[in-house]
């Protein structure tokens, strides 16, 4: 089935009539660190805290803890604590977070097109 011009206009009108979710999206994944943390956990898998801190780069322990807690509270990261001595804690992207894969790939493609023009 092929979309007609009137179908496209109706879809655009419906989209414009609904409130834009961008403020909520920015709240969930916005800021300097959340996208970096999510990208690592989504594409490189489960990490322990210090492994994640090394991969993220120039982030303080306090800031990483804060960002991980926020991502966990929003259902984008799971935190698993193992009853060992010393305790082992691992962080993993949830299925909801993995839903961001197409967005990450689109941003990557966009960046490549922008970067090639400079």
Protein backbone atom coordinates (compact mmCIF):
# COMPACT_ATOMS: atom_id res chain seq x y z
CA UNK A 1 0.00 0.00 0.00
CA UNK A 2 1.41 3.38 -1.03
CA UNK A 3 0.92 6.48 1.11
CA UNK A 4 -0.70 9.38 -0.64
CA UNK A 5 -0.03 13.05 -0.10
CA UNK A 6 -3.28 13.35 1.89
CA UNK A 7 -2.21 10.40 4.09
CA UNK A 8 1.13 12.09 4.80
CA UNK A 9 -0.55 15.42 5.60
CA UNK A 10 -2.97 13.71 7.98
CA UNK A 11 -0.11 11.94 9.74
CA UNK A 12 1.85 15.20 10.05
CA UNK A 13 -1.23 17.02 11.37
CA UNK A 14 -1.77 14.29 13.98
CA UNK A 15 1.88 14.49 15.00
CA UNK A 16 1.74 18.26 15.34
CA UNK A 17 -1.44 18.00 17.43
CA UNK A 18 0.25 15.84 20.06
CA UNK A 19 2.57 17.40 22.62
CA UNK A 20 6.23 17.04 21.69
CA UNK A 21 7.95 14.43 23.90
CA UNK A 22 11.38 16.05 23.49
CA UNK A 23 11.49 17.53 27.03
CA UNK A 24 10.79 14.08 28.51
CA UNK A 25 13.34 12.45 26.20
CA UNK A 26 15.96 15.03 27.14
CA UNK A 27 15.21 14.36 30.81
CA UNK A 28 15.82 10.62 30.33
CA UNK A 29 18.92 10.62 28.13
CA UNK A 30 20.09 14.24 28.00
CA UNK A 31 23.30 15.67 29.29
CA UNK A 32 26.94 14.97 28.63
CA UNK A 33 27.26 11.59 30.30
CA UNK A 34 24.03 9.60 29.98
CA UNK A 35 24.32 8.97 26.23
CA UNK A 36 27.96 7.95 26.59
CA UNK A 37 27.13 5.52 29.41
CA UNK A 38 24.19 4.10 27.46
CA UNK A 39 26.24 3.72 24.29
CA UNK A 40 28.88 1.73 26.16
CA UNK A 41 26.38 -0.52 27.92
CA UNK A 42 24.25 -1.06 24.81
CA UNK A 43 27.06 -1.82 22.37
CA UNK A 44 29.76 -3.25 24.65
CA UNK A 45 27.62 -5.09 27.18
CA UNK A 46 27.64 -5.40 30.94
CA UNK A 47 30.33 -3.52 32.86
CA UNK A 48 31.45 -3.20 36.43
CA UNK A 49 31.60 0.32 37.85
CA UNK A 50 35.34 0.92 37.48
CA UNK A 51 35.43 -0.62 33.99
CA UNK A 52 32.64 1.71 32.98
CA UNK A 53 34.37 4.71 34.53
CA UNK A 54 37.56 3.97 32.57
CA UNK A 55 35.62 3.61 29.30
CA UNK A 56 33.62 6.80 29.82
CA UNK A 57 36.78 8.79 30.37
CA UNK A 58 36.90 12.10 32.21
CA UNK A 59 34.04 11.54 34.66
CA UNK A 60 34.17 11.69 38.43
CA UNK A 61 33.05 8.77 40.55
CA UNK A 62 30.29 10.95 42.02
CA UNK A 63 28.97 11.98 38.61
CA UNK A 64 29.02 8.41 37.26
CA UNK A 65 27.18 7.19 40.35
CA UNK A 66 24.59 9.94 39.90
CA UNK A 67 24.09 9.20 36.21
CA UNK A 68 23.80 5.44 36.77
CA UNK A 69 21.25 5.96 39.54
CA UNK A 70 19.16 8.22 37.29
CA UNK A 71 19.35 5.75 34.39
CA UNK A 72 18.39 2.91 36.73
CA UNK A 73 15.46 4.89 38.16
CA UNK A 74 14.25 5.55 34.59
CA UNK A 75 14.43 1.86 33.67
CA UNK A 76 17.30 2.19 31.20
CA UNK A 77 19.99 0.43 33.25
CA UNK A 78 19.87 -2.51 35.63
CA UNK A 79 22.23 -2.80 38.57
CA UNK A 80 23.09 -6.26 39.86
CA UNK A 81 24.86 -6.69 43.19
CA UNK A 82 26.57 -10.02 43.84
CA UNK A 83 26.93 -11.20 47.44
CA UNK A 84 30.69 -11.60 47.36
CA UNK A 85 33.58 -10.20 49.33
CA UNK A 86 34.38 -7.64 48.10
CA UNK A 87 30.93 -6.94 46.62
CA UNK A 88 30.69 -7.05 42.84
CA UNK A 89 28.26 -4.69 41.09
CA UNK A 90 27.46 -4.85 37.37
CA UNK A 91 25.50 -2.50 35.15
CA UNK A 92 23.62 -3.54 32.04
CA UNK A 93 21.39 -1.80 29.48
CA UNK A 94 17.73 -2.83 29.66
CA UNK A 95 15.56 -3.80 26.68
CA UNK A 96 14.09 -0.30 26.83
CA UNK A 97 17.58 1.17 26.49
CA UNK A 98 18.38 -1.18 23.61
CA UNK A 99 15.43 0.40 21.84
CA UNK A 100 17.78 3.37 21.36
CA UNK A 101 20.01 1.37 18.98
CA UNK A 102 18.37 2.81 15.82
CA UNK A 103 18.82 6.33 17.25
CA UNK A 104 22.51 5.71 17.95
CA UNK A 105 22.98 4.31 14.44
CA UNK A 106 21.15 7.28 12.91
CA UNK A 107 23.31 9.72 14.90
CA UNK A 108 26.41 7.85 13.75
CA UNK A 109 25.32 8.05 10.10
CA UNK A 110 24.42 11.71 10.51
CA UNK A 111 27.83 12.47 12.05
CA UNK A 112 29.63 10.69 9.22
CA UNK A 113 27.75 12.81 6.66
CA UNK A 114 28.48 16.04 8.56
CA UNK A 115 32.10 15.12 9.22
CA UNK A 116 32.72 14.30 5.57
CA UNK A 117 31.64 17.82 4.60
CA UNK A 118 34.19 19.51 6.84
